[in-house]
Each structure stands twice: as C-alpha cells, then as structure tokens.
Amino acid sequence: MTKKQAPPIDPSVPRVCIYQEFEKEPGPCPRCGGALHQEHHLYAIATRRGRQMTDTFMISGDFGWYCEDCLTVVINPEKVGEMLSFSKPGWDTGEAFAVLGLVDLSAVPEEKSHLPLGDDDNPIPLVEFTEASHKPGARPAGSRRSKHSGSKRSKSKRRKGKRRR
C-alpha cells in the first residue's frame, strides 16, 4: 500500500501558524486532527533582541507541516532556530524570531521579476499568517536558548508564622 501524495499547498492562501516542538513528525493537526504533510517553501522571518527589532529574512526550508483538511501550518521553532544560527557577517539575527508568513513568488508580476524583492517597485509578496499560537506544553516560538539554559529559581522562603519542628 502506498501513501497518497498530498497536493502542494497554495502559498497565496493565509493560514494559522502553530509553533510546536517535535522530533521527527508533529503528529495530527492540533486544530482539526487532520493529516499533516511537510513542504518546502519560502518564509519571511523577523528577529529581535529584547524589545528591539533586528533583521528580517527570507528563508527557504521544509520546516512547515501543512494540514490537508484545514488552513493550518505547524512549524518547529527548533528547526528555524537552527537555520538562523548560520548567520553571515552583517546579519543581526537577534535572540528571538517570529515566522511572519509565506512569500508567494508567483504573485510577483512578470514585468517586475527582474527587480530585487523588497525594492520600492517590487514589494515582498508576503502572505501573513492570520495568527500564531503555541501548542500547550511547547516552548514559545523564537526562543533559541537550549532546553537547559535559564536562571535558577531561588528557594522559596518559609511563610511567617510557621515553625519547623
């Protein structure tokens, strides 16, 4: 029995983005329970350091898993973070990021295809995600800290009025 090949998604259609960490496959769609399939697309990503926006990037990758039944994409923030760790001099990838949406290259008019994307005469054809959310239990998207980093919690103080026996 062969697995049915899902038709490619239309990058011009807005979708809901759900950030979810997983090892090999994300499982079923967290919104409707439908089957997810992995696809390679061009994404727009914004980065920041603290409250300061740093850079925006277009990254091509297969870190998106698309629902076959509803307009949902599941993105593993660990995979995006790995891609952003390979920066070049002059790039400021910041400490956190957000995947803004898909870049729909088919929306670039043929007469402007020779112009650089993002030029005043040729804006980036971004199809923004309608909302971004986290699956319960997942780390917030964009965090590039290791799973073991962070500050130690201080020991809680004893409540006044209680004595040790």
Protein backbone atom coordinates (compact mmCIF):
# COMPACT_ATOMS: atom_id res chain seq x y z
CA MET A 1 0.00 0.00 0.00
CA THR A 2 1.48 3.36 -1.00
CA LYS A 3 0.92 6.60 0.85
CA LYS A 4 -1.26 9.11 -1.02
CA GLN A 5 0.72 12.20 -2.10
CA ALA A 6 -0.92 15.39 -0.84
CA PRO A 7 -1.34 18.16 -3.42
CA PRO A 8 1.00 21.12 -2.94
CA ILE A 9 -0.41 23.94 -0.84
CA ASP A 10 -1.29 27.30 -2.35
CA PRO A 11 1.11 29.87 -0.80
CA SER A 12 -1.32 32.71 -1.58
CA VAL A 13 -3.86 31.48 1.00
CA PRO A 14 -3.48 32.84 4.57
CA ARG A 15 -3.01 30.18 7.26
CA VAL A 16 -2.87 29.82 11.02
CA CYS A 17 0.63 29.07 12.29
CA ILE A 18 1.13 26.83 15.31
CA TYR A 19 4.60 26.51 16.81
CA GLN A 20 5.25 23.02 18.13
CA GLU A 21 8.46 21.21 19.02
CA PHE A 22 8.75 17.61 17.86
CA GLU A 23 11.43 15.10 16.92
CA LYS A 24 10.55 13.57 13.53
CA GLU A 25 6.90 14.34 12.76
CA PRO A 26 4.39 16.60 14.53
CA GLY A 27 1.52 14.10 14.55
CA PRO A 28 -2.00 15.18 13.54
CA CYS A 29 -3.12 18.78 13.06
CA PRO A 30 -3.55 20.38 16.50
CA ARG A 31 -6.64 22.29 15.28
CA CYS A 32 -8.69 19.67 13.42
CA GLY A 33 -6.88 16.34 13.78
CA GLY A 34 -6.22 16.08 10.04
CA ALA A 35 -3.10 14.66 8.44
CA LEU A 36 -0.06 16.95 8.11
CA HIS A 37 2.47 16.81 5.31
CA GLN A 38 5.84 18.53 5.05
CA GLU A 39 6.55 21.02 2.26
CA HIS A 40 9.45 23.22 1.22
CA HIS A 41 8.52 26.93 0.98
CA LEU A 42 9.92 30.44 1.24
CA TYR A 43 9.17 32.14 4.57
CA ALA A 44 9.57 35.69 5.90
CA ILE A 45 11.11 35.81 9.38
CA ALA A 46 11.56 38.78 11.73
CA THR A 47 14.12 38.72 14.52
CA ARG A 48 14.52 40.75 17.68
CA ARG A 49 16.76 41.26 20.67
CA GLY A 50 14.73 42.12 23.73
CA ARG A 51 12.17 44.66 22.51
CA GLN A 52 14.42 45.83 19.66
CA MET A 53 13.67 44.55 16.15
CA THR A 54 16.89 43.41 14.49
CA ASP A 55 16.62 41.95 10.98
CA THR A 56 14.11 40.36 8.67
CA PHE A 57 14.99 37.44 6.45
CA MET A 58 13.56 35.24 3.76
CA ILE A 59 14.41 31.61 4.44
CA SER A 60 13.64 28.67 2.22
CA GLY A 61 13.08 25.45 4.10
CA ASP A 62 10.98 22.39 4.73
CA PHE A 63 10.18 23.13 8.38
CA GLY A 64 6.47 23.69 7.67
CA TRP A 65 3.93 20.88 8.05
CA TYR A 66 0.62 21.68 6.33
CA CYS A 67 -2.78 20.30 7.23
CA GLU A 68 -4.64 18.53 4.45
CA ASP A 69 -8.05 19.42 5.96
CA CYS A 70 -7.77 22.99 7.27
CA LEU A 71 -5.63 26.10 6.80
CA THR A 72 -3.00 25.30 9.43
CA VAL A 73 0.77 25.08 9.29
CA VAL A 74 2.78 23.56 12.14
CA ILE A 75 6.32 24.92 12.47
CA ASN A 76 9.04 23.52 14.69
CA PRO A 77 10.82 26.58 16.19
CA GLU A 78 13.93 24.46 16.88
CA LYS A 79 14.41 23.88 13.12
CA VAL A 80 14.01 27.59 12.34
CA GLY A 81 16.44 28.47 15.14
CA GLU A 82 18.99 26.05 13.68
CA MET A 83 18.73 27.78 10.30
CA LEU A 84 19.18 31.21 11.87
CA SER A 85 22.28 30.05 13.74
CA PHE A 86 24.18 30.08 10.43
CA SER A 87 24.40 33.83 10.02
CA LYS A 88 26.80 35.84 7.90
CA PRO A 89 28.79 38.95 8.89
CA GLY A 90 26.49 41.96 8.97
CA TRP A 91 23.39 39.95 9.82
CA ASP A 92 21.76 40.65 13.16
CA THR A 93 19.62 37.62 13.90
CA GLY A 94 18.78 38.73 17.43
CA GLU A 95 17.78 36.36 20.21
CA ALA A 96 14.22 35.56 19.15
CA PHE A 97 12.23 35.32 15.96
CA ALA A 98 8.75 35.06 14.51
CA VAL A 99 7.79 33.40 11.24
CA LEU A 100 5.64 36.10 9.63
CA GLY A 101 4.22 34.11 6.74
CA LEU A 102 4.87 32.69 3.30
CA VAL A 103 6.48 34.58 0.45
CA ASP A 104 4.36 33.97 -2.66
CA LEU A 105 6.79 34.35 -5.57
CA SER A 106 4.01 33.60 -8.06
CA ALA A 107 2.45 36.96 -7.06
CA VAL A 108 5.41 38.91 -8.47
CA PRO A 109 4.30 40.40 -11.81
CA GLU A 110 6.36 39.15 -14.72
CA GLU A 111 7.35 42.70 -15.69
CA LYS A 112 8.89 43.14 -12.20
CA SER A 113 10.58 39.74 -11.91
CA HIS A 114 13.95 41.28 -12.82
CA LEU A 115 13.78 43.73 -9.87
CA PRO A 116 15.10 42.79 -6.42
CA LEU A 117 12.40 41.66 -3.98
CA GLY A 118 11.75 44.29 -1.35
CA ASP A 119 12.55 47.16 -3.71
CA ASP A 120 10.08 50.07 -3.63
CA ASP A 121 8.84 48.99 -7.06
CA ASN A 122 8.70 45.30 -6.14
CA PRO A 123 7.49 44.72 -2.57
CA ILE A 124 7.85 41.30 -0.99
CA PRO A 125 4.63 39.35 -1.68
CA LEU A 126 4.13 38.27 1.92
CA VAL A 127 1.06 36.21 2.82
CA GLU A 128 0.98 36.73 6.58
CA PHE A 129 -0.13 34.04 8.96
CA THR A 130 -3.54 35.01 10.36
CA GLU A 131 -2.42 34.15 13.89
CA ALA A 132 0.44 32.38 15.55
CA SER A 133 -0.02 30.25 18.60
CA HIS A 134 1.72 27.65 20.68
CA LYS A 135 0.54 24.13 21.29
CA PRO A 136 0.08 23.63 25.04
CA GLY A 137 3.36 22.47 26.56
CA ALA A 138 5.52 23.82 23.73
CA ARG A 139 8.20 26.42 24.33
CA PRO A 140 7.43 29.86 22.94
CA ALA A 141 8.43 30.27 19.33
CA GLY A 142 11.62 32.08 18.66
CA SER A 143 13.39 31.10 21.82
CA ARG A 144 16.83 29.98 20.83
CA ARG A 145 18.02 29.08 24.30
CA SER A 146 18.94 25.50 24.91
CA LYS A 147 16.48 23.42 26.86
CA HIS A 148 18.82 23.52 29.87
CA SER A 149 19.58 27.24 29.95
CA GLY A 150 17.96 29.89 32.07
CA SER A 151 18.28 31.18 35.56
CA LYS A 152 17.96 29.06 38.65
CA ARG A 153 14.89 29.52 40.74
CA SER A 154 15.51 30.84 44.19
CA LYS A 155 14.46 28.70 47.10
CA SER A 156 11.11 29.72 48.41
CA LYS A 157 11.08 31.42 51.77
CA ARG A 158 9.24 29.95 54.69
CA ARG A 159 5.97 31.59 55.44
CA LYS A 160 5.92 33.72 58.55
CA GLY A 161 4.21 32.18 61.50
CA LYS A 162 5.14 28.59 60.64
CA ARG A 163 7.77 26.93 62.77
CA ARG A 164 9.90 23.96 61.94
CA ARG A 165 9.62 21.09 64.36
